[in-house]
C-alpha cells in the first residue's frame, strides 16, 4: 500500500512517473478536503487530465512558480510562496499546498546547493504558517546521491535512501534531527549541516535530537567541525545516554550534549 499523503514538508523521489502522478492526485484530494488551495507544478511528462478545476486547484506552469531554471534565490522563492499563502488565506482557504516536480532546478552542483538551502528555509516558513509542500525529484534522472542531499532536509522522505532527516526547529537557531547517523550518513550529514544556515542565539545553536535513534562518533565530529566553523556551540539534546559519554571521550569543545526526556 502506498503511504498516505502528509501535510508538512515532504520529499518524494520517483522513477515511475505514473506512481508519482497518482500520489500527486491524492495530495490534491487531501488539500481540497482540508479546505486548502493547492498548486500542482507538474513535470512536462505528468498526466494532469481529470484534475478538479476552479480556484481551489491550479495547474501552474514551472516558470510561473519558479522564477528561473538556473539557480534559485532562496529568499526570493520563500517570499513568493509566502505571498501565495497569504493570497489563499485572503480568498477564504484554510491554507496553501504545493505539489511540485522541481527536478529542473537541481541538475547541477550549484543549483542543488542553492535549492537545498531553499528547502531548509521554506521548511522553516512552513513550520509557522499554513503552507505545506510535496517536493518531487526524478531519481532516475538525478541519481541517488543528489536526491539524498535534498531529501534529508525535509520532515519526511519517500524512497530517497536517507537514514536521517534534518529540518527546522521551533526557532531559527534550532534544528530537528531524526533517524540514524552511522558511517553511511557521515558526508551527507556534514553537507546538510552547512545548508541549514542556523542563526546563533546567545552564541549557541540547538539540535533537537529527541527523535534520533543512533549517532556514531563520526557524526559527532561532523557536528563539532560545523560548530567550530560557525564560531558557535552546538547543543545536542538527546535521550540517548551513551551520546554524552561518547562526546566526553572525543573532547568536543564546540559540542555540548544535554539530556532530553
C-alpha atoms as a PDB file:
ATOM      1  CA  UNK A   1       0.000   0.000   0.000  1.00  0.00           C
ATOM      2  CA  UNK A   2       1.325   3.432  -0.869  1.00  0.00           C
ATOM      3  CA  UNK A   3       1.773   5.814   2.082  1.00  0.00           C
ATOM      4  CA  UNK A   4      -0.959   8.356   2.675  1.00  0.00           C
ATOM      5  CA  UNK A   5      -0.140  11.984   1.867  1.00  0.00           C
ATOM      6  CA  UNK A   6       1.094  14.002   4.830  1.00  0.00           C
ATOM      7  CA  UNK A   7       0.721  17.701   5.449  1.00  0.00           C
ATOM      8  CA  UNK A   8       4.051  19.342   6.174  1.00  0.00           C
ATOM      9  CA  UNK A   9       7.236  19.321   4.129  1.00  0.00           C
ATOM     10  CA  UNK A  10       7.700  16.055   2.270  1.00  0.00           C
ATOM     11  CA  UNK A  11      10.178  14.819  -0.315  1.00  0.00           C
ATOM     12  CA  UNK A  12       9.014  12.299  -2.899  1.00  0.00           C
ATOM     13  CA  UNK A  13      11.579  10.778  -5.244  1.00  0.00           C
ATOM     14  CA  UNK A  14      10.444   8.634  -8.128  1.00  0.00           C
ATOM     15  CA  UNK A  15      11.408   6.739 -11.242  1.00  0.00           C
ATOM     16  CA  UNK A  16       7.896   5.804 -12.308  1.00  0.00           C
ATOM     17  CA  UNK A  17       6.036   8.939 -13.439  1.00  0.00           C
ATOM     18  CA  UNK A  18       2.667   7.227 -13.140  1.00  0.00           C
ATOM     19  CA  UNK A  19       3.171   6.358  -9.480  1.00  0.00           C
ATOM     20  CA  UNK A  20       4.040   9.927  -8.648  1.00  0.00           C
ATOM     21  CA  UNK A  21       1.092  11.282 -10.657  1.00  0.00           C
ATOM     22  CA  UNK A  22      -1.221   9.046  -8.637  1.00  0.00           C
ATOM     23  CA  UNK A  23       0.288  10.283  -5.375  1.00  0.00           C
ATOM     24  CA  UNK A  24       0.010  13.902  -6.517  1.00  0.00           C
ATOM     25  CA  UNK A  25      -3.714  13.409  -7.143  1.00  0.00           C
ATOM     26  CA  UNK A  26      -4.138  12.018  -3.648  1.00  0.00           C
ATOM     27  CA  UNK A  27      -2.394  15.106  -2.284  1.00  0.00           C
ATOM     28  CA  UNK A  28      -4.748  17.326  -4.265  1.00  0.00           C
ATOM     29  CA  UNK A  29      -7.766  15.460  -2.914  1.00  0.00           C
ATOM     30  CA  UNK A  30      -6.439  15.760   0.634  1.00  0.00           C
ATOM     31  CA  UNK A  31      -5.876  19.506   0.209  1.00  0.00           C
ATOM     32  CA  UNK A  32      -9.408  20.000  -1.073  1.00  0.00           C
ATOM     33  CA  UNK A  33     -10.831  18.020   1.843  1.00  0.00           C
ATOM     34  CA  UNK A  34      -8.881  20.294   4.217  1.00  0.00           C
ATOM     35  CA  UNK A  35     -10.213  23.438   2.538  1.00  0.00           C
ATOM     36  CA  UNK A  36      -6.812  24.430   1.140  1.00  0.00           C
ATOM     37  CA  UNK A  37      -5.824  25.970  -2.137  1.00  0.00           C
ATOM     38  CA  UNK A  38      -3.377  23.729  -3.979  1.00  0.00           C
ATOM     39  CA  UNK A  39      -0.892  24.373  -6.761  1.00  0.00           C
ATOM     40  CA  UNK A  40       0.274  21.432  -8.834  1.00  0.00           C
ATOM     41  CA  UNK A  41       3.533  22.167 -10.660  1.00  0.00           C
ATOM     42  CA  UNK A  42       3.984  19.075 -12.853  1.00  0.00           C
ATOM     43  CA  UNK A  43       6.852  17.843 -14.966  1.00  0.00           C
ATOM     44  CA  UNK A  44       6.405  18.001 -18.733  1.00  0.00           C
ATOM     45  CA  UNK A  45       5.606  14.272 -18.716  1.00  0.00           C
ATOM     46  CA  UNK A  46       2.965  14.343 -15.981  1.00  0.00           C
ATOM     47  CA  UNK A  47      -0.649  13.409 -16.602  1.00  0.00           C
ATOM     48  CA  UNK A  48      -2.834  16.313 -15.453  1.00  0.00           C
ATOM     49  CA  UNK A  49      -6.085  15.204 -17.057  1.00  0.00           C
ATOM     50  CA  UNK A  50      -9.076  14.934 -14.781  1.00  0.00           C
ATOM     51  CA  UNK A  51      -7.814  17.239 -12.044  1.00  0.00           C
ATOM     52  CA  UNK A  52     -10.528  19.350 -10.406  1.00  0.00           C
ATOM     53  CA  UNK A  53     -10.821  22.866 -11.749  1.00  0.00           C
ATOM     54  CA  UNK A  54     -11.761  26.151 -10.187  1.00  0.00           C
ATOM     55  CA  UNK A  55      -9.908  28.481  -7.887  1.00  0.00           C
ATOM     56  CA  UNK A  56      -9.005  25.757  -5.393  1.00  0.00           C
ATOM     57  CA  UNK A  57      -6.806  23.724  -7.738  1.00  0.00           C
ATOM     58  CA  UNK A  58      -4.398  25.326 -10.147  1.00  0.00           C
ATOM     59  CA  UNK A  59      -2.049  23.576 -12.535  1.00  0.00           C
ATOM     60  CA  UNK A  60       0.864  26.003 -12.621  1.00  0.00           C
ATOM     61  CA  UNK A  61       3.492  26.218 -15.319  1.00  0.00           C
ATOM     62  CA  UNK A  62       7.006  25.756 -13.964  1.00  0.00           C
ATOM     63  CA  UNK A  63       8.083  29.267 -14.981  1.00  0.00           C
ATOM     64  CA  UNK A  64       5.159  30.749 -13.028  1.00  0.00           C
ATOM     65  CA  UNK A  65       6.073  29.010  -9.774  1.00  0.00           C
ATOM     66  CA  UNK A  66       9.851  29.367 -10.046  1.00  0.00           C
ATOM     67  CA  UNK A  67      11.415  32.496 -11.431  1.00  0.00           C
ATOM     68  CA  UNK A  68      14.310  30.766 -13.150  1.00  0.00           C
ATOM     69  CA  UNK A  69      15.518  27.418 -14.432  1.00  0.00           C
ATOM     70  CA  UNK A  70      19.038  28.334 -13.364  1.00  0.00           C
ATOM     71  CA  UNK A  71      19.940  28.863  -9.690  1.00  0.00           C
ATOM     72  CA  UNK A  72      17.147  29.576  -7.215  1.00  0.00           C
ATOM     73  CA  UNK A  73      17.328  32.581  -4.900  1.00  0.00           C
ATOM     74  CA  UNK A  74      16.137  31.063  -1.577  1.00  0.00           C
ATOM     75  CA  UNK A  75      14.889  34.310  -0.025  1.00  0.00           C
ATOM     76  CA  UNK A  76      13.050  35.359  -3.181  1.00  0.00           C
ATOM     77  CA  UNK A  77      11.392  31.969  -3.594  1.00  0.00           C
ATOM     78  CA  UNK A  78      10.268  31.854   0.037  1.00  0.00           C
ATOM     79  CA  UNK A  79       8.799  35.354  -0.360  1.00  0.00           C
ATOM     80  CA  UNK A  80       6.885  34.222  -3.451  1.00  0.00           C
ATOM     81  CA  UNK A  81       5.313  31.274  -1.660  1.00  0.00           C
ATOM     82  CA  UNK A  82       4.607  33.390   1.426  1.00  0.00           C
ATOM     83  CA  UNK A  83       2.655  35.773  -0.815  1.00  0.00           C
ATOM     84  CA  UNK A  84       0.749  32.840  -2.360  1.00  0.00           C
ATOM     85  CA  UNK A  85      -0.105  31.587   1.131  1.00  0.00           C
ATOM     86  CA  UNK A  86      -1.449  34.993   2.139  1.00  0.00           C
ATOM     87  CA  UNK A  87      -3.471  35.174  -1.078  1.00  0.00           C
ATOM     88  CA  UNK A  88      -5.026  31.789  -0.319  1.00  0.00           C
ATOM     89  CA  UNK A  89      -5.975  32.854   3.196  1.00  0.00           C
ATOM     90  CA  UNK A  90      -7.426  36.142   1.928  1.00  0.00           C
ATOM     91  CA  UNK A  91      -9.565  34.164  -0.528  1.00  0.00           C
ATOM     92  CA  UNK A  92     -11.061  32.152   2.322  1.00  0.00           C
ATOM     93  CA  UNK A  93      -8.986  28.967   2.107  1.00  0.00           C
ATOM     94  CA  UNK A  94      -7.607  27.340   5.257  1.00  0.00           C
ATOM     95  CA  UNK A  95      -4.094  27.134   3.850  1.00  0.00           C
ATOM     96  CA  UNK A  96      -1.904  26.624   0.812  1.00  0.00           C
ATOM     97  CA  UNK A  97      -0.355  23.428  -0.502  1.00  0.00           C
ATOM     98  CA  UNK A  98       2.161  22.927  -3.305  1.00  0.00           C
ATOM     99  CA  UNK A  99       2.877  19.686  -5.131  1.00  0.00           C
ATOM    100  CA  UNK A 100       5.833  20.396  -7.401  1.00  0.00           C
ATOM    101  CA  UNK A 101       8.298  18.436  -9.502  1.00  0.00           C
ATOM    102  CA  UNK A 102      11.423  20.553  -9.080  1.00  0.00           C
ATOM    103  CA  UNK A 103      13.904  18.293 -10.880  1.00  0.00           C
ATOM    104  CA  UNK A 104      14.926  21.046 -13.369  1.00  0.00           C
ATOM    105  CA  UNK A 105      16.232  23.199 -10.519  1.00  0.00           C
ATOM    106  CA  UNK A 106      18.741  20.714  -9.075  1.00  0.00           C
ATOM    107  CA  UNK A 107      20.631  19.248 -12.019  1.00  0.00           C
ATOM    108  CA  UNK A 108      23.992  20.926 -11.322  1.00  0.00           C
ATOM    109  CA  UNK A 109      26.016  21.166  -8.112  1.00  0.00           C
ATOM    110  CA  UNK A 110      25.455  24.930  -7.926  1.00  0.00           C
ATOM    111  CA  UNK A 111      21.707  24.573  -8.441  1.00  0.00           C
ATOM    112  CA  UNK A 112      21.486  21.792  -5.871  1.00  0.00           C
ATOM    113  CA  UNK A 113      23.397  23.741  -3.219  1.00  0.00           C
ATOM    114  CA  UNK A 114      21.102  26.764  -3.601  1.00  0.00           C
ATOM    115  CA  UNK A 115      17.932  24.682  -3.714  1.00  0.00           C
ATOM    116  CA  UNK A 116      18.933  22.629  -0.672  1.00  0.00           C
ATOM    117  CA  UNK A 117      19.336  25.871   1.281  1.00  0.00           C
ATOM    118  CA  UNK A 118      15.931  26.931  -0.012  1.00  0.00           C
ATOM    119  CA  UNK A 119      14.387  23.626   1.082  1.00  0.00           C
ATOM    120  CA  UNK A 120      15.547  24.286   4.621  1.00  0.00           C
ATOM    121  CA  UNK A 121      14.307  27.877   4.838  1.00  0.00           C
ATOM    122  CA  UNK A 122      10.944  27.138   3.211  1.00  0.00           C
ATOM    123  CA  UNK A 123      10.592  24.358   5.772  1.00  0.00           C
ATOM    124  CA  UNK A 124      11.143  26.978   8.464  1.00  0.00           C
ATOM    125  CA  UNK A 125       8.396  29.129   6.927  1.00  0.00           C
ATOM    126  CA  UNK A 126       6.009  26.166   6.764  1.00  0.00           C
ATOM    127  CA  UNK A 127       6.579  25.343  10.413  1.00  0.00           C
ATOM    128  CA  UNK A 128       4.948  28.633  11.403  1.00  0.00           C
ATOM    129  CA  UNK A 129       2.472  29.234   8.564  1.00  0.00           C
ATOM    130  CA  UNK A 130      -0.407  27.268   6.952  1.00  0.00           C
ATOM    131  CA  UNK A 131       1.600  26.071   3.969  1.00  0.00           C
ATOM    132  CA  UNK A 132       2.647  22.522   3.136  1.00  0.00           C
ATOM    133  CA  UNK A 133       4.515  21.018   0.210  1.00  0.00           C
ATOM    134  CA  UNK A 134       5.491  17.852  -1.589  1.00  0.00           C
ATOM    135  CA  UNK A 135       8.780  18.344  -3.438  1.00  0.00           C
ATOM    136  CA  UNK A 136       9.282  15.730  -6.133  1.00  0.00           C
ATOM    137  CA  UNK A 137      12.581  14.684  -7.724  1.00  0.00           C
ATOM    138  CA  UNK A 138      13.179  12.321 -10.614  1.00  0.00           C
ATOM    139  CA  UNK A 139      15.584   9.843  -9.057  1.00  0.00           C
ATOM    140  CA  UNK A 140      16.303   8.140 -12.356  1.00  0.00           C
ATOM    141  CA  UNK A 141      17.488  11.419 -13.841  1.00  0.00           C
ATOM    142  CA  UNK A 142      19.307  12.905 -10.849  1.00  0.00           C
ATOM    143  CA  UNK A 143      20.800   9.844  -9.156  1.00  0.00           C
ATOM    144  CA  UNK A 144      20.597   8.633  -5.567  1.00  0.00           C
ATOM    145  CA  UNK A 145      23.201  10.956  -4.034  1.00  0.00           C
ATOM    146  CA  UNK A 146      21.718  14.148  -5.484  1.00  0.00           C
ATOM    147  CA  UNK A 147      18.248  13.235  -4.255  1.00  0.00           C
ATOM    148  CA  UNK A 148      19.575  12.301  -0.808  1.00  0.00           C
ATOM    149  CA  UNK A 149      21.145  15.754  -0.384  1.00  0.00           C
ATOM    150  CA  UNK A 150      17.685  17.294  -0.754  1.00  0.00           C
ATOM    151  CA  UNK A 151      15.538  14.619   0.848  1.00  0.00           C
ATOM    152  CA  UNK A 152      17.323  14.744   4.198  1.00  0.00           C
ATOM    153  CA  UNK A 153      16.314  18.411   4.665  1.00  0.00           C
ATOM    154  CA  UNK A 154      12.588  17.577   4.693  1.00  0.00           C
ATOM    155  CA  UNK A 155      10.377  16.449   7.559  1.00  0.00           C
ATOM    156  CA  UNK A 156       9.805  13.169   5.734  1.00  0.00           C
ATOM    157  CA  UNK A 157      11.007  11.488   2.566  1.00  0.00           C
ATOM    158  CA  UNK A 158       9.872   8.676   0.308  1.00  0.00           C
ATOM    159  CA  UNK A 159      12.209   6.272  -1.494  1.00  0.00           C
ATOM    160  CA  UNK A 160      15.149   8.627  -1.051  1.00  0.00           C
ATOM    161  CA  UNK A 161      17.639   6.282   0.596  1.00  0.00           C
ATOM    162  CA  UNK A 162      18.361   8.557   3.576  1.00  0.00           C
ATOM    163  CA  UNK A 163      18.667   7.379   7.173  1.00  0.00           C
ATOM    164  CA  UNK A 164      18.076  10.748   8.837  1.00  0.00           C
ATOM    165  CA  UNK A 165      16.049  13.956   8.495  1.00  0.00           C
ATOM    166  CA  UNK A 166      17.408  17.385   9.485  1.00  0.00           C
ATOM    167  CA  UNK A 167      14.701  20.039   9.393  1.00  0.00           C
ATOM    168  CA  UNK A 168      13.834  23.351  11.089  1.00  0.00           C
ATOM    169  CA  UNK A 169      13.035  23.549  14.756  1.00  0.00           C
ATOM    170  CA  UNK A 170      10.925  25.993  16.728  1.00  0.00           C
ATOM    171  CA  UNK A 171      13.330  28.913  16.198  1.00  0.00           C
ATOM    172  CA  UNK A 172      15.881  29.957  13.588  1.00  0.00           C
ATOM    173  CA  UNK A 173      18.617  28.779  15.982  1.00  0.00           C
ATOM    174  CA  UNK A 174      17.197  25.257  16.264  1.00  0.00           C
ATOM    175  CA  UNK A 175      17.158  22.209  14.006  1.00  0.00           C
ATOM    176  CA  UNK A 176      15.413  18.870  14.486  1.00  0.00           C
ATOM    177  CA  UNK A 177      17.403  15.688  13.863  1.00  0.00           C
ATOM    178  CA  UNK A 178      15.644  12.330  13.491  1.00  0.00           C
ATOM    179  CA  UNK A 179      16.539   8.829  12.345  1.00  0.00           C
ATOM    180  CA  UNK A 180      20.002   7.247  12.452  1.00  0.00           C
ATOM    181  CA  UNK A 181      23.511   8.575  11.804  1.00  0.00           C
ATOM    182  CA  UNK A 182      26.074   5.914  11.026  1.00  0.00           C
ATOM    183  CA  UNK A 183      29.086   5.599   8.720  1.00  0.00           C
ATOM    184  CA  UNK A 184      26.952   5.726   5.586  1.00  0.00           C
ATOM    185  CA  UNK A 185      25.497   9.120   6.571  1.00  0.00           C
ATOM    186  CA  UNK A 186      28.700  10.918   7.596  1.00  0.00           C
ATOM    187  CA  UNK A 187      29.307  13.023   4.469  1.00  0.00           C
ATOM    188  CA  UNK A 188      25.609  13.664   3.879  1.00  0.00           C
ATOM    189  CA  UNK A 189      25.123  14.891   7.447  1.00  0.00           C
ATOM    190  CA  UNK A 190      28.069  17.283   7.207  1.00  0.00           C
ATOM    191  CA  UNK A 191      26.718  18.674   3.932  1.00  0.00           C
ATOM    192  CA  UNK A 192      23.222  19.059   5.374  1.00  0.00           C
ATOM    193  CA  UNK A 193      24.509  20.931   8.425  1.00  0.00           C
ATOM    194  CA  UNK A 194      26.248  23.501   6.237  1.00  0.00           C
ATOM    195  CA  UNK A 195      22.993  24.176   4.404  1.00  0.00           C
ATOM    196  CA  UNK A 196      20.842  24.888   7.463  1.00  0.00           C
ATOM    197  CA  UNK A 197      22.250  28.422   7.942  1.00  0.00           C
ATOM    198  CA  UNK A 198      21.261  28.312  11.603  1.00  0.00           C
ATOM    199  CA  UNK A 199      21.206  31.611  13.463  1.00  0.00           C
ATOM    200  CA  UNK A 200      23.046  31.747  16.771  1.00  0.00           C
ATOM    201  CA  UNK A 201      21.100  32.575  19.921  1.00  0.00           C
ATOM    202  CA  UNK A 202      23.323  33.605  22.848  1.00  0.00           C
ATOM    203  CA  UNK A 203      26.265  32.102  20.985  1.00  0.00           C
ATOM    204  CA  UNK A 204      24.634  28.693  20.547  1.00  0.00           C
ATOM    205  CA  UNK A 205      22.619  26.629  18.106  1.00  0.00           C
ATOM    206  CA  UNK A 206      20.400  23.770  19.210  1.00  0.00           C
ATOM    207  CA  UNK A 207      19.970  20.360  17.604  1.00  0.00           C
ATOM    208  CA  UNK A 208      16.819  18.698  18.943  1.00  0.00           C
ATOM    209  CA  UNK A 209      17.700  15.025  18.625  1.00  0.00           C
ATOM    210  CA  UNK A 210      14.879  13.594  20.728  1.00  0.00           C
ATOM    211  CA  UNK A 211      13.813  11.588  17.662  1.00  0.00           C
ATOM    212  CA  UNK A 212      17.314  10.304  16.922  1.00  0.00           C
ATOM    213  CA  UNK A 213      17.752   6.554  17.369  1.00  0.00           C
ATOM    214  CA  UNK A 214      21.522   6.276  16.850  1.00  0.00           C
ATOM    215  CA  UNK A 215      24.547   8.512  16.310  1.00  0.00           C
ATOM    216  CA  UNK A 216      28.186   7.444  15.920  1.00  0.00           C
ATOM    217  CA  UNK A 217      31.426   9.288  16.643  1.00  0.00           C
ATOM    218  CA  UNK A 218      31.838  10.444  13.023  1.00  0.00           C
ATOM    219  CA  UNK A 219      28.580  12.376  13.140  1.00  0.00           C
ATOM    220  CA  UNK A 220      29.593  13.977  16.442  1.00  0.00           C
ATOM    221  CA  UNK A 221      32.887  15.023  14.865  1.00  0.00           C
ATOM    222  CA  UNK A 222      30.965  16.469  11.907  1.00  0.00           C
ATOM    223  CA  UNK A 223      28.833  18.464  14.346  1.00  0.00           C
ATOM    224  CA  UNK A 224      31.990  19.685  16.090  1.00  0.00           C
ATOM    225  CA  UNK A 225      33.521  20.822  12.770  1.00  0.00           C
ATOM    226  CA  UNK A 226      30.319  22.615  11.809  1.00  0.00           C
ATOM    227  CA  UNK A 227      30.037  24.435  15.128  1.00  0.00           C
ATOM    228  CA  UNK A 228      33.704  25.402  15.064  1.00  0.00           C
ATOM    229  CA  UNK A 229      33.386  26.777  11.532  1.00  0.00           C
ATOM    230  CA  UNK A 230      30.418  28.882  12.663  1.00  0.00           C
ATOM    231  CA  UNK A 231      32.183  30.009  15.855  1.00  0.00           C
ATOM    232  CA  UNK A 232      29.348  28.697  17.948  1.00  0.00           C
ATOM    233  CA  UNK A 233      28.455  25.902  20.343  1.00  0.00           C
ATOM    234  CA  UNK A 234      26.103  23.173  19.146  1.00  0.00           C
ATOM    235  CA  UNK A 235      23.804  21.963  21.912  1.00  0.00           C
ATOM    236  CA  UNK A 236      22.733  18.393  21.126  1.00  0.00           C
ATOM    237  CA  UNK A 237      19.622  17.385  23.053  1.00  0.00           C
ATOM    238  CA  UNK A 238      19.089  13.636  23.077  1.00  0.00           C
ATOM    239  CA  UNK A 239      17.623  10.954  25.345  1.00  0.00           C
ATOM    240  CA  UNK A 240      20.470   8.601  24.338  1.00  0.00           C
ATOM    241  CA  UNK A 241      22.622   8.427  27.456  1.00  0.00           C
ATOM    242  CA  UNK A 242      25.635   6.958  25.673  1.00  0.00           C
ATOM    243  CA  UNK A 243      25.997  10.062  23.488  1.00  0.00           C
ATOM    244  CA  UNK A 244      27.187  12.270  26.345  1.00  0.00           C
ATOM    245  CA  UNK A 245      29.779   9.676  27.346  1.00  0.00           C
ATOM    246  CA  UNK A 246      30.972   9.358  23.749  1.00  0.00           C
ATOM    247  CA  UNK A 247      31.209  13.125  23.342  1.00  0.00           C
ATOM    248  CA  UNK A 248      33.246  13.304  26.544  1.00  0.00           C
ATOM    249  CA  UNK A 249      35.719  10.748  25.235  1.00  0.00           C
ATOM    250  CA  UNK A 250      36.067  12.663  21.967  1.00  0.00           C
ATOM    251  CA  UNK A 251      36.693  16.004  23.749  1.00  0.00           C
ATOM    252  CA  UNK A 252      34.486  18.242  21.614  1.00  0.00           C
ATOM    253  CA  UNK A 253      34.863  21.865  22.782  1.00  0.00           C
ATOM    254  CA  UNK A 254      32.144  23.155  20.439  1.00  0.00           C
ATOM    255  CA  UNK A 255      29.523  20.485  21.239  1.00  0.00           C
ATOM    256  CA  UNK A 256      27.507  20.199  24.462  1.00  0.00           C
ATOM    257  CA  UNK A 257      25.245  17.213  24.967  1.00  0.00           C
ATOM    258  CA  UNK A 258      22.144  17.721  27.097  1.00  0.00           C
ATOM    259  CA  UNK A 259      19.770  15.028  28.281  1.00  0.00           C
ATOM    260  CA  UNK A 260      16.304  15.208  26.749  1.00  0.00           C
ATOM    261  CA  UNK A 261      13.210  13.491  28.044  1.00  0.00           C
END
